[in-house]
C-alpha atoms as a PDB file:
ATOM      1  CA  UNK A   1       0.271  -6.517  17.841  1.00  0.00           C
ATOM      2  CA  UNK A   2       2.762  -9.418  17.956  1.00  0.00           C
ATOM      3  CA  UNK A   3       6.368  -9.201  19.048  1.00  0.00           C
ATOM      4  CA  UNK A   4       8.784  -8.777  16.099  1.00  0.00           C
ATOM      5  CA  UNK A   5      10.048 -12.201  14.999  1.00  0.00           C
ATOM      6  CA  UNK A   6      11.899 -11.601  11.753  1.00  0.00           C
ATOM      7  CA  UNK A   7      12.338  -9.009   9.075  1.00  0.00           C
ATOM      8  CA  UNK A   8      13.131  -5.330   9.127  1.00  0.00           C
ATOM      9  CA  UNK A   9      11.064  -3.222   6.770  1.00  0.00           C
ATOM     10  CA  UNK A  10      11.623   0.421   5.861  1.00  0.00           C
ATOM     11  CA  UNK A  11       8.726   2.324   4.334  1.00  0.00           C
ATOM     12  CA  UNK A  12       8.558   5.641   2.534  1.00  0.00           C
ATOM     13  CA  UNK A  13       5.308   7.581   2.277  1.00  0.00           C
ATOM     14  CA  UNK A  14       5.453  10.738   0.188  1.00  0.00           C
ATOM     15  CA  UNK A  15       1.881  11.775   1.055  1.00  0.00           C
ATOM     16  CA  UNK A  16       0.768  10.580   4.511  1.00  0.00           C
ATOM     17  CA  UNK A  17      -2.663  11.468   5.846  1.00  0.00           C
ATOM     18  CA  UNK A  18      -4.735  11.586   8.969  1.00  0.00           C
ATOM     19  CA  UNK A  19      -7.529   9.152   8.107  1.00  0.00           C
ATOM     20  CA  UNK A  20     -10.826   9.747   9.881  1.00  0.00           C
ATOM     21  CA  UNK A  21     -13.963   7.643   9.530  1.00  0.00           C
ATOM     22  CA  UNK A  22     -17.507   7.658  10.837  1.00  0.00           C
ATOM     23  CA  UNK A  23     -20.939   6.092  10.265  1.00  0.00           C
ATOM     24  CA  UNK A  24     -24.404   7.516   9.743  1.00  0.00           C
ATOM     25  CA  UNK A  25     -27.803   5.928   9.198  1.00  0.00           C
ATOM     26  CA  UNK A  26     -28.037   6.917   5.551  1.00  0.00           C
ATOM     27  CA  UNK A  27     -26.127   9.217   3.193  1.00  0.00           C
ATOM     28  CA  UNK A  28     -28.412  11.680   1.393  1.00  0.00           C
ATOM     29  CA  UNK A  29     -27.977  15.245   0.122  1.00  0.00           C
ATOM     30  CA  UNK A  30     -29.046  18.422   1.953  1.00  0.00           C
ATOM     31  CA  UNK A  31     -30.120  16.855   5.285  1.00  0.00           C
ATOM     32  CA  UNK A  32     -27.931  17.031   8.352  1.00  0.00           C
ATOM     33  CA  UNK A  33     -26.395  13.602   8.836  1.00  0.00           C
ATOM     34  CA  UNK A  34     -25.947  12.605  12.484  1.00  0.00           C
ATOM     35  CA  UNK A  35     -22.718  10.653  12.685  1.00  0.00           C
ATOM     36  CA  UNK A  36     -21.015   8.339  15.140  1.00  0.00           C
ATOM     37  CA  UNK A  37     -17.860   9.405  16.943  1.00  0.00           C
ATOM     38  CA  UNK A  38     -14.895   9.919  14.625  1.00  0.00           C
ATOM     39  CA  UNK A  39     -12.230   7.207  14.493  1.00  0.00           C
ATOM     40  CA  UNK A  40      -8.698   8.362  13.635  1.00  0.00           C
ATOM     41  CA  UNK A  41      -5.862   6.350  12.123  1.00  0.00           C
ATOM     42  CA  UNK A  42      -2.502   7.335  10.647  1.00  0.00           C
ATOM     43  CA  UNK A  43      -2.755   6.817   6.901  1.00  0.00           C
ATOM     44  CA  UNK A  44      -0.965   6.865   3.586  1.00  0.00           C
ATOM     45  CA  UNK A  45       0.496   3.905   1.702  1.00  0.00           C
ATOM     46  CA  UNK A  46       3.838   3.347   3.436  1.00  0.00           C
ATOM     47  CA  UNK A  47       2.402   4.293   6.834  1.00  0.00           C
ATOM     48  CA  UNK A  48      -0.244   1.596   6.494  1.00  0.00           C
ATOM     49  CA  UNK A  49       2.342  -0.924   5.308  1.00  0.00           C
ATOM     50  CA  UNK A  50       4.472  -0.236   8.400  1.00  0.00           C
ATOM     51  CA  UNK A  51       1.461  -0.677  10.679  1.00  0.00           C
ATOM     52  CA  UNK A  52       0.465  -3.991   9.111  1.00  0.00           C
ATOM     53  CA  UNK A  53       4.046  -5.284   8.922  1.00  0.00           C
ATOM     54  CA  UNK A  54       4.366  -4.713  12.667  1.00  0.00           C
ATOM     55  CA  UNK A  55       1.125  -6.603  13.278  1.00  0.00           C
ATOM     56  CA  UNK A  56       2.473  -9.469  11.165  1.00  0.00           C
ATOM     57  CA  UNK A  57       5.581  -9.816  13.293  1.00  0.00           C
ATOM     58  CA  UNK A  58       8.197  -7.689  11.492  1.00  0.00           C
ATOM     59  CA  UNK A  59       9.850  -4.516  12.707  1.00  0.00           C
ATOM     60  CA  UNK A  60       9.147  -1.417  10.659  1.00  0.00           C
ATOM     61  CA  UNK A  61      10.532   2.079  10.356  1.00  0.00           C
ATOM     62  CA  UNK A  62       8.311   4.602   8.594  1.00  0.00           C
ATOM     63  CA  UNK A  63       9.854   7.620   6.850  1.00  0.00           C
ATOM     64  CA  UNK A  64       7.211  10.341   6.568  1.00  0.00           C
ATOM     65  CA  UNK A  65       6.955  14.071   5.817  1.00  0.00           C
ATOM     66  CA  UNK A  66       4.725  15.615   8.476  1.00  0.00           C
ATOM     67  CA  UNK A  67       3.507  19.158   8.998  1.00  0.00           C
ATOM     68  CA  UNK A  68       1.001  21.114  11.070  1.00  0.00           C
ATOM     69  CA  UNK A  69      -1.459  19.809  13.627  1.00  0.00           C
ATOM     70  CA  UNK A  70      -2.563  16.908  11.451  1.00  0.00           C
ATOM     71  CA  UNK A  71       1.069  15.874  11.056  1.00  0.00           C
ATOM     72  CA  UNK A  72       1.573  15.946  14.813  1.00  0.00           C
ATOM     73  CA  UNK A  73      -1.532  13.809  15.255  1.00  0.00           C
ATOM     74  CA  UNK A  74      -0.269  11.253  12.722  1.00  0.00           C
ATOM     75  CA  UNK A  75       3.024  11.035  14.645  1.00  0.00           C
ATOM     76  CA  UNK A  76       1.168  10.543  17.940  1.00  0.00           C
ATOM     77  CA  UNK A  77      -0.977   7.758  16.516  1.00  0.00           C
ATOM     78  CA  UNK A  78       2.046   5.969  15.055  1.00  0.00           C
ATOM     79  CA  UNK A  79       3.855   6.196  18.382  1.00  0.00           C
ATOM     80  CA  UNK A  80       0.772   4.769  20.085  1.00  0.00           C
ATOM     81  CA  UNK A  81       1.166   1.712  17.840  1.00  0.00           C
ATOM     82  CA  UNK A  82       4.895   1.546  18.674  1.00  0.00           C
ATOM     83  CA  UNK A  83       5.899   2.235  15.064  1.00  0.00           C
ATOM     84  CA  UNK A  84       9.366   3.699  14.654  1.00  0.00           C
ATOM     85  CA  UNK A  85       9.172   6.860  12.597  1.00  0.00           C
ATOM     86  CA  UNK A  86      11.619   9.240  11.014  1.00  0.00           C
ATOM     87  CA  UNK A  87       9.636  12.388  10.424  1.00  0.00           C
ATOM     88  CA  UNK A  88      10.728  15.186   8.089  1.00  0.00           C
ATOM     89  CA  UNK A  89       9.083  18.451   9.093  1.00  0.00           C
ATOM     90  CA  UNK A  90       7.250  20.192   6.260  1.00  0.00           C
ATOM     91  CA  UNK A  91       5.902  23.707   5.883  1.00  0.00           C
ATOM     92  CA  UNK A  92       2.615  22.496   4.415  1.00  0.00           C
ATOM     93  CA  UNK A  93       0.253  20.711   6.807  1.00  0.00           C
ATOM     94  CA  UNK A  94      -0.329  16.982   6.408  1.00  0.00           C
ATOM     95  CA  UNK A  95      -3.545  16.236   4.526  1.00  0.00           C
ATOM     96  CA  UNK A  96      -6.647  14.620   5.996  1.00  0.00           C
ATOM     97  CA  UNK A  97      -8.826  11.962   4.387  1.00  0.00           C
ATOM     98  CA  UNK A  98     -12.391  11.193   5.376  1.00  0.00           C
ATOM     99  CA  UNK A  99     -14.718   8.205   4.959  1.00  0.00           C
ATOM    100  CA  UNK A 100     -18.404   7.796   5.812  1.00  0.00           C
ATOM    101  CA  UNK A 101     -20.310   4.500   5.875  1.00  0.00           C
ATOM    102  CA  UNK A 102     -24.110   4.438   5.509  1.00  0.00           C
ATOM    103  CA  UNK A 103     -25.505   1.825   7.885  1.00  0.00           C
ATOM    104  CA  UNK A 104     -28.591   1.235   5.750  1.00  0.00           C
ATOM    105  CA  UNK A 105     -26.698   0.160   2.640  1.00  0.00           C
ATOM    106  CA  UNK A 106     -23.210  -0.586   3.917  1.00  0.00           C
ATOM    107  CA  UNK A 107     -21.877   1.698   1.173  1.00  0.00           C
ATOM    108  CA  UNK A 108     -18.698   3.576   1.996  1.00  0.00           C
ATOM    109  CA  UNK A 109     -17.939   7.085   0.725  1.00  0.00           C
ATOM    110  CA  UNK A 110     -14.261   8.052   0.665  1.00  0.00           C
ATOM    111  CA  UNK A 111     -12.985  11.641   0.371  1.00  0.00           C
ATOM    112  CA  UNK A 112      -9.249  11.949  -0.327  1.00  0.00           C
ATOM    113  CA  UNK A 113      -7.617  15.375  -0.139  1.00  0.00           C
ATOM    114  CA  UNK A 114      -4.786  16.375  -2.512  1.00  0.00           C
ATOM    115  CA  UNK A 115      -1.203  15.889  -1.372  1.00  0.00           C
ATOM    116  CA  UNK A 116       0.811  19.026  -0.523  1.00  0.00           C
ATOM    117  CA  UNK A 117       3.860  19.869  -2.610  1.00  0.00           C
ATOM    118  CA  UNK A 118       7.218  19.035  -1.027  1.00  0.00           C
ATOM    119  CA  UNK A 119       9.952  21.635  -1.432  1.00  0.00           C
ATOM    120  CA  UNK A 120      13.259  20.464  -2.977  1.00  0.00           C
ATOM    121  CA  UNK A 121      14.878  20.656   0.473  1.00  0.00           C
ATOM    122  CA  UNK A 122      12.100  18.625   2.080  1.00  0.00           C
ATOM    123  CA  UNK A 123      12.316  16.015  -0.655  1.00  0.00           C
ATOM    124  CA  UNK A 124      16.117  15.768  -0.304  1.00  0.00           C
ATOM    125  CA  UNK A 125      15.740  15.305   3.462  1.00  0.00           C
ATOM    126  CA  UNK A 126      13.146  12.591   2.852  1.00  0.00           C
ATOM    127  CA  UNK A 127      15.493  10.699   0.514  1.00  0.00           C
ATOM    128  CA  UNK A 128      18.370  10.944   2.994  1.00  0.00           C
ATOM    129  CA  UNK A 129      16.129   9.665   5.795  1.00  0.00           C
ATOM    130  CA  UNK A 130      15.077   6.752   3.581  1.00  0.00           C
ATOM    131  CA  UNK A 131      18.728   5.958   2.869  1.00  0.00           C
ATOM    132  CA  UNK A 132      19.419   5.756   6.604  1.00  0.00           C
ATOM    133  CA  UNK A 133      16.388   3.555   7.221  1.00  0.00           C
ATOM    134  CA  UNK A 134      17.199   1.323   4.257  1.00  0.00           C
ATOM    135  CA  UNK A 135      20.730   0.669   5.529  1.00  0.00           C
ATOM    136  CA  UNK A 136      19.248  -1.423   8.347  1.00  0.00           C
ATOM    137  CA  UNK A 137      16.328  -2.957   6.450  1.00  0.00           C
ATOM    138  CA  UNK A 138      15.669  -6.245   4.667  1.00  0.00           C
ATOM    139  CA  UNK A 139      13.124  -4.610   2.377  1.00  0.00           C
ATOM    140  CA  UNK A 140      12.128  -1.083   1.317  1.00  0.00           C
ATOM    141  CA  UNK A 141       8.492  -0.353   0.489  1.00  0.00           C
ATOM    142  CA  UNK A 142       7.604   2.874  -1.341  1.00  0.00           C
ATOM    143  CA  UNK A 143       3.839   3.188  -1.293  1.00  0.00           C
ATOM    144  CA  UNK A 144       1.319   5.872  -2.150  1.00  0.00           C
ATOM    145  CA  UNK A 145       1.020   8.661  -4.686  1.00  0.00           C
ATOM    146  CA  UNK A 146       3.907  11.034  -5.235  1.00  0.00           C
ATOM    147  CA  UNK A 147       3.215  14.741  -4.622  1.00  0.00           C
ATOM    148  CA  UNK A 148       3.065  17.261  -7.471  1.00  0.00           C
ATOM    149  CA  UNK A 149       6.456  18.339  -8.848  1.00  0.00           C
ATOM    150  CA  UNK A 150       8.270  15.180  -7.701  1.00  0.00           C
ATOM    151  CA  UNK A 151      11.227  14.484 -10.060  1.00  0.00           C
ATOM    152  CA  UNK A 152      10.555  11.899 -12.780  1.00  0.00           C
ATOM    153  CA  UNK A 153      13.583   9.816 -11.769  1.00  0.00           C
ATOM    154  CA  UNK A 154      12.659   9.471  -8.082  1.00  0.00           C
ATOM    155  CA  UNK A 155      12.149   5.696  -8.256  1.00  0.00           C
ATOM    156  CA  UNK A 156      15.433   5.195 -10.115  1.00  0.00           C
ATOM    157  CA  UNK A 157      17.114   7.133  -7.315  1.00  0.00           C
ATOM    158  CA  UNK A 158      15.480   5.022  -4.617  1.00  0.00           C
ATOM    159  CA  UNK A 159      16.248   1.677  -6.274  1.00  0.00           C
ATOM    160  CA  UNK A 160      19.873   2.672  -6.850  1.00  0.00           C
ATOM    161  CA  UNK A 161      20.157   3.883  -3.260  1.00  0.00           C
ATOM    162  CA  UNK A 162      18.730   0.623  -1.908  1.00  0.00           C
ATOM    163  CA  UNK A 163      21.398  -1.454  -3.625  1.00  0.00           C
ATOM    164  CA  UNK A 164      20.841  -5.152  -2.890  1.00  0.00           C
ATOM    165  CA  UNK A 165      17.848  -4.435  -0.632  1.00  0.00           C
ATOM    166  CA  UNK A 166      14.578  -5.458  -2.371  1.00  0.00           C
ATOM    167  CA  UNK A 167      12.345  -2.521  -3.288  1.00  0.00           C
ATOM    168  CA  UNK A 168       8.558  -2.863  -3.550  1.00  0.00           C
ATOM    169  CA  UNK A 169       6.596  -0.016  -5.164  1.00  0.00           C
ATOM    170  CA  UNK A 170       2.856   0.600  -4.996  1.00  0.00           C
ATOM    171  CA  UNK A 171       1.894   3.865  -6.662  1.00  0.00           C
ATOM    172  CA  UNK A 172      -0.423   5.243  -9.312  1.00  0.00           C
ATOM    173  CA  UNK A 173      -0.757   7.918 -11.963  1.00  0.00           C
ATOM    174  CA  UNK A 174       2.293   9.008 -13.979  1.00  0.00           C
ATOM    175  CA  UNK A 175       4.547   7.762 -11.149  1.00  0.00           C
ATOM    176  CA  UNK A 176       3.490   4.191 -11.905  1.00  0.00           C
ATOM    177  CA  UNK A 177       5.021   4.308 -15.378  1.00  0.00           C
ATOM    178  CA  UNK A 178       8.220   5.688 -13.876  1.00  0.00           C
ATOM    179  CA  UNK A 179       8.275   2.885 -11.297  1.00  0.00           C
ATOM    180  CA  UNK A 180       7.941   0.278 -14.053  1.00  0.00           C
ATOM    181  CA  UNK A 181      11.253   1.474 -15.527  1.00  0.00           C
ATOM    182  CA  UNK A 182      13.107   1.638 -12.212  1.00  0.00           C
ATOM    183  CA  UNK A 183      14.364  -1.915 -11.729  1.00  0.00           C
ATOM    184  CA  UNK A 184      12.270  -2.406  -8.580  1.00  0.00           C
ATOM    185  CA  UNK A 185      11.860  -5.914  -7.193  1.00  0.00           C
ATOM    186  CA  UNK A 186       8.056  -5.787  -7.366  1.00  0.00           C
ATOM    187  CA  UNK A 187       5.486  -3.259  -8.558  1.00  0.00           C
ATOM    188  CA  UNK A 188       1.773  -3.637  -7.780  1.00  0.00           C
ATOM    189  CA  UNK A 189      -0.782  -1.750  -9.877  1.00  0.00           C
ATOM    190  CA  UNK A 190      -4.503  -2.434  -9.695  1.00  0.00           C
ATOM    191  CA  UNK A 191      -6.274  -3.701 -12.795  1.00  0.00           C
ATOM    192  CA  UNK A 192      -7.756  -0.233 -13.377  1.00  0.00           C
ATOM    193  CA  UNK A 193      -4.297   1.374 -13.095  1.00  0.00           C
ATOM    194  CA  UNK A 194      -2.978  -1.231 -15.511  1.00  0.00           C
ATOM    195  CA  UNK A 195      -5.773  -0.258 -17.892  1.00  0.00           C
ATOM    196  CA  UNK A 196      -4.642   3.364 -17.824  1.00  0.00           C
ATOM    197  CA  UNK A 197      -1.206   2.252 -19.012  1.00  0.00           C
ATOM    198  CA  UNK A 198      -2.420   0.079 -21.890  1.00  0.00           C
ATOM    199  CA  UNK A 199      -5.046   2.661 -22.847  1.00  0.00           C
ATOM    200  CA  UNK A 200      -8.185   0.573 -22.469  1.00  0.00           C
ATOM    201  CA  UNK A 201     -10.478  -0.657 -19.730  1.00  0.00           C
ATOM    202  CA  UNK A 202      -9.683  -4.188 -18.585  1.00  0.00           C
ATOM    203  CA  UNK A 203     -12.958  -5.858 -17.637  1.00  0.00           C
ATOM    204  CA  UNK A 204     -12.442  -9.609 -18.003  1.00  0.00           C
ATOM    205  CA  UNK A 205      -9.793 -11.945 -16.604  1.00  0.00           C
ATOM    206  CA  UNK A 206      -8.534 -12.530 -20.133  1.00  0.00           C
ATOM    207  CA  UNK A 207      -8.132  -8.785 -20.706  1.00  0.00           C
ATOM    208  CA  UNK A 208      -6.343  -8.330 -17.386  1.00  0.00           C
ATOM    209  CA  UNK A 209      -4.012 -11.234 -18.170  1.00  0.00           C
ATOM    210  CA  UNK A 210      -3.157  -9.793 -21.586  1.00  0.00           C
ATOM    211  CA  UNK A 211      -2.638  -6.365 -20.020  1.00  0.00           C
ATOM    212  CA  UNK A 212      -0.334  -7.488 -17.239  1.00  0.00           C
ATOM    213  CA  UNK A 213       1.752  -9.598 -19.612  1.00  0.00           C
ATOM    214  CA  UNK A 214       2.045  -6.735 -22.087  1.00  0.00           C
ATOM    215  CA  UNK A 215       3.083  -4.215 -19.437  1.00  0.00           C
ATOM    216  CA  UNK A 216       5.468  -6.682 -17.777  1.00  0.00           C
ATOM    217  CA  UNK A 217       7.205  -7.364 -21.092  1.00  0.00           C
ATOM    218  CA  UNK A 218       7.922  -3.640 -21.509  1.00  0.00           C
ATOM    219  CA  UNK A 219       8.939  -3.068 -17.884  1.00  0.00           C
ATOM    220  CA  UNK A 220      12.153  -3.419 -15.931  1.00  0.00           C
ATOM    221  CA  UNK A 221      10.898  -5.000 -12.691  1.00  0.00           C
ATOM    222  CA  UNK A 222      11.310  -8.396 -11.072  1.00  0.00           C
ATOM    223  CA  UNK A 223       7.597  -9.049 -10.610  1.00  0.00           C
ATOM    224  CA  UNK A 224       4.532  -7.176 -11.804  1.00  0.00           C
ATOM    225  CA  UNK A 225       1.470  -7.955  -9.681  1.00  0.00           C
ATOM    226  CA  UNK A 226      -1.934  -6.770 -10.904  1.00  0.00           C
ATOM    227  CA  UNK A 227      -4.470  -6.815  -8.073  1.00  0.00           C
ATOM    228  CA  UNK A 228      -8.130  -7.370  -8.984  1.00  0.00           C
ATOM    229  CA  UNK A 229      -9.853  -6.670  -5.685  1.00  0.00           C
ATOM    230  CA  UNK A 230     -11.787  -9.578  -4.237  1.00  0.00           C
ATOM    231  CA  UNK A 231     -10.719 -11.679  -7.226  1.00  0.00           C
ATOM    232  CA  UNK A 232      -7.069 -11.847  -6.130  1.00  0.00           C
ATOM    233  CA  UNK A 233      -4.273 -11.038  -8.583  1.00  0.00           C
ATOM    234  CA  UNK A 234      -2.183 -11.962 -11.608  1.00  0.00           C
ATOM    235  CA  UNK A 235       1.609 -11.913 -11.288  1.00  0.00           C
ATOM    236  CA  UNK A 236       4.259 -12.014 -14.025  1.00  0.00           C
ATOM    237  CA  UNK A 237       7.999 -12.290 -13.376  1.00  0.00           C
ATOM    238  CA  UNK A 238      10.906 -10.942 -15.418  1.00  0.00           C
ATOM    239  CA  UNK A 239      10.952 -13.945 -17.774  1.00  0.00           C
ATOM    240  CA  UNK A 240       7.189 -14.001 -18.306  1.00  0.00           C
ATOM    241  CA  UNK A 241       6.211 -16.794 -15.908  1.00  0.00           C
ATOM    242  CA  UNK A 242       2.617 -16.045 -14.872  1.00  0.00           C
ATOM    243  CA  UNK A 243       0.511 -17.083 -11.874  1.00  0.00           C
ATOM    244  CA  UNK A 244      -3.132 -16.495 -11.022  1.00  0.00           C
ATOM    245  CA  UNK A 245      -3.930 -15.932  -7.331  1.00  0.00           C
ATOM    246  CA  UNK A 246      -7.511 -16.485  -6.197  1.00  0.00           C
ATOM    247  CA  UNK A 247      -8.500 -14.837  -2.930  1.00  0.00           C
ATOM    248  CA  UNK A 248     -10.796 -16.569  -0.433  1.00  0.00           C
ATOM    249  CA  UNK A 249     -14.392 -15.336  -0.420  1.00  0.00           C
ATOM    250  CA  UNK A 250     -15.262 -13.225   2.637  1.00  0.00           C
ATOM    251  CA  UNK A 251     -17.866 -10.657   3.638  1.00  0.00           C
ATOM    252  CA  UNK A 252     -16.504  -7.174   2.979  1.00  0.00           C
ATOM    253  CA  UNK A 253     -16.862  -4.617   5.764  1.00  0.00           C
ATOM    254  CA  UNK A 254     -14.418  -1.995   4.469  1.00  0.00           C
ATOM    255  CA  UNK A 255     -12.054  -2.046   1.496  1.00  0.00           C
ATOM    256  CA  UNK A 256      -9.842   0.713   2.915  1.00  0.00           C
ATOM    257  CA  UNK A 257      -6.255  -0.451   3.363  1.00  0.00           C
ATOM    258  CA  UNK A 258      -6.620  -3.763   1.534  1.00  0.00           C
ATOM    259  CA  UNK A 259      -3.924  -2.906  -1.010  1.00  0.00           C
ATOM    260  CA  UNK A 260      -1.547  -1.661   1.682  1.00  0.00           C
ATOM    261  CA  UNK A 261      -2.173  -4.802   3.736  1.00  0.00           C
ATOM    262  CA  UNK A 262      -1.396  -6.898   0.656  1.00  0.00           C
ATOM    263  CA  UNK A 263       1.918  -5.113   0.145  1.00  0.00           C
ATOM    264  CA  UNK A 264       2.824  -5.545   3.817  1.00  0.00           C
ATOM    265  CA  UNK A 265       2.053  -9.261   3.625  1.00  0.00           C
ATOM    266  CA  UNK A 266       4.333  -9.628   0.600  1.00  0.00           C
ATOM    267  CA  UNK A 267       7.149  -7.651   2.229  1.00  0.00           C
ATOM    268  CA  UNK A 268       7.033  -9.578   5.509  1.00  0.00           C
ATOM    269  CA  UNK A 269       6.983 -12.924   3.680  1.00  0.00           C
ATOM    270  CA  UNK A 270       9.981 -11.949   1.524  1.00  0.00           C
ATOM    271  CA  UNK A 271      11.879 -10.857   4.639  1.00  0.00           C
ATOM    272  CA  UNK A 272      11.337 -14.235   6.297  1.00  0.00           C
ATOM    273  CA  UNK A 273      12.685 -16.028   3.244  1.00  0.00           C
ATOM    274  CA  UNK A 274       9.574 -16.995   1.263  1.00  0.00           C
ATOM    275  CA  UNK A 275      10.006 -17.186  -2.503  1.00  0.00           C
ATOM    276  CA  UNK A 276       8.095 -14.550  -4.492  1.00  0.00           C
ATOM    277  CA  UNK A 277       5.238 -16.912  -5.420  1.00  0.00           C
ATOM    278  CA  UNK A 278       4.584 -17.793  -1.768  1.00  0.00           C
ATOM    279  CA  UNK A 279       5.115 -14.169  -0.678  1.00  0.00           C
ATOM    280  CA  UNK A 280       2.486 -12.877  -3.101  1.00  0.00           C
ATOM    281  CA  UNK A 281       0.044 -15.505  -1.792  1.00  0.00           C
ATOM    282  CA  UNK A 282       0.718 -14.273   1.757  1.00  0.00           C
ATOM    283  CA  UNK A 283      -0.014 -10.780   0.527  1.00  0.00           C
ATOM    284  CA  UNK A 284      -3.341 -11.873  -0.959  1.00  0.00           C
ATOM    285  CA  UNK A 285      -4.286 -13.354   2.435  1.00  0.00           C
ATOM    286  CA  UNK A 286      -3.363 -10.135   4.252  1.00  0.00           C
ATOM    287  CA  UNK A 287      -5.280  -8.000   1.756  1.00  0.00           C
ATOM    288  CA  UNK A 288      -8.343 -10.208   2.134  1.00  0.00           C
ATOM    289  CA  UNK A 289      -8.039 -10.021   5.919  1.00  0.00           C
ATOM    290  CA  UNK A 290      -8.138  -6.220   5.722  1.00  0.00           C
ATOM    291  CA  UNK A 291     -11.660  -6.142   4.302  1.00  0.00           C
ATOM    292  CA  UNK A 292     -12.924  -7.904   7.433  1.00  0.00           C
ATOM    293  CA  UNK A 293     -12.210  -4.807   9.537  1.00  0.00           C
ATOM    294  CA  UNK A 294     -14.286  -1.647   9.956  1.00  0.00           C
ATOM    295  CA  UNK A 295     -13.587   1.868   8.689  1.00  0.00           C
ATOM    296  CA  UNK A 296      -9.927   2.695   8.237  1.00  0.00           C
ATOM    297  CA  UNK A 297      -8.631  -0.230  10.293  1.00  0.00           C
ATOM    298  CA  UNK A 298      -6.206  -2.649   8.630  1.00  0.00           C
ATOM    299  CA  UNK A 299      -5.673  -6.395   8.623  1.00  0.00           C
ATOM    300  CA  UNK A 300      -4.986  -8.425  11.749  1.00  0.00           C
ATOM    301  CA  UNK A 301      -2.412 -11.206  11.898  1.00  0.00           C
ATOM    302  CA  UNK A 302      -4.831 -13.890  13.097  1.00  0.00           C
ATOM    303  CA  UNK A 303      -7.116 -13.298  10.103  1.00  0.00           C
ATOM    304  CA  UNK A 304      -4.197 -13.283   7.635  1.00  0.00           C
ATOM    305  CA  UNK A 305      -2.840 -16.548   9.064  1.00  0.00           C
ATOM    306  CA  UNK A 306      -6.275 -18.184   8.940  1.00  0.00           C
ATOM    307  CA  UNK A 307      -6.871 -17.146   5.320  1.00  0.00           C
ATOM    308  CA  UNK A 308      -3.405 -17.990   3.940  1.00  0.00           C
ATOM    309  CA  UNK A 309      -4.138 -21.718   3.291  1.00  0.00           C
ATOM    310  CA  UNK A 310      -7.284 -20.699   1.409  1.00  0.00           C
ATOM    311  CA  UNK A 311      -5.423 -18.684  -1.254  1.00  0.00           C
ATOM    312  CA  UNK A 312      -5.307 -20.686  -4.498  1.00  0.00           C
ATOM    313  CA  UNK A 313      -2.212 -20.267  -6.729  1.00  0.00           C
ATOM    314  CA  UNK A 314      -2.422 -21.484 -10.328  1.00  0.00           C
ATOM    315  CA  UNK A 315       0.268 -21.334 -13.036  1.00  0.00           C
ATOM    316  CA  UNK A 316      -0.970 -19.774 -16.271  1.00  0.00           C
ATOM    317  CA  UNK A 317       0.298 -20.982 -19.661  1.00  0.00           C
END
């Protein structure tokens, strides 16, 4: 981890997790699978963004609801990485997610548990904690799925609360459509999530481009960035200017955390004064760097810096 150089990032994670990963020779049904020692990491969208932002030289404060023994373990792991946290105690225990990699094929199997419901009091405390963190931040990142029964206007509330502070949102499901109406600075769906909004599968670059432009035209956000995995991303701003970002080609070891690393790269670059086009390119580099790591590990600054000049940015007519 590098010493903080510039940028203060606040993150909000509605559904953090204790991420555990392991390896086995092969994944087959019925047989006992002898696994390697478990590796634990604190997880969840905003948690991962805070971890990567710190690695990239920013300071980060993570607002998280935590409960039970898994919640205590997440807090311990974040403190081990010197991440500032503001934890809201919850009645329900923090969820756990699990991934297994088969050594024979390299295939990774990911098991994600459902998020616990936050009570109205817990949710109010979470919003107040975010308001405090945002008051001293250059950027607010809200990342991850929202729990069941979260109010429909939660993103409007957060954007209004942040005031002039840029707000980046990375979410999915019904919450994504709410985020697109919120006035956020940047929203990042995947191509498959974009497809769920337009009501059809987006398989080709042309289809993804049409989809992101269509959704951006109906949204109320500064930039809509559609990530397409190893292919990079398309980005459209509020006036329709479009860019295609091509990621460098690398050997994938684990895709876990690539999206969160991308968001962290964008946030850190915006905080240090990069324009949005350059910031999104920095995010592509960080997301690509994440796939070089094993299991539930995230990107490392040296890899992101090395890959940044290899990201190709092309204007699209």
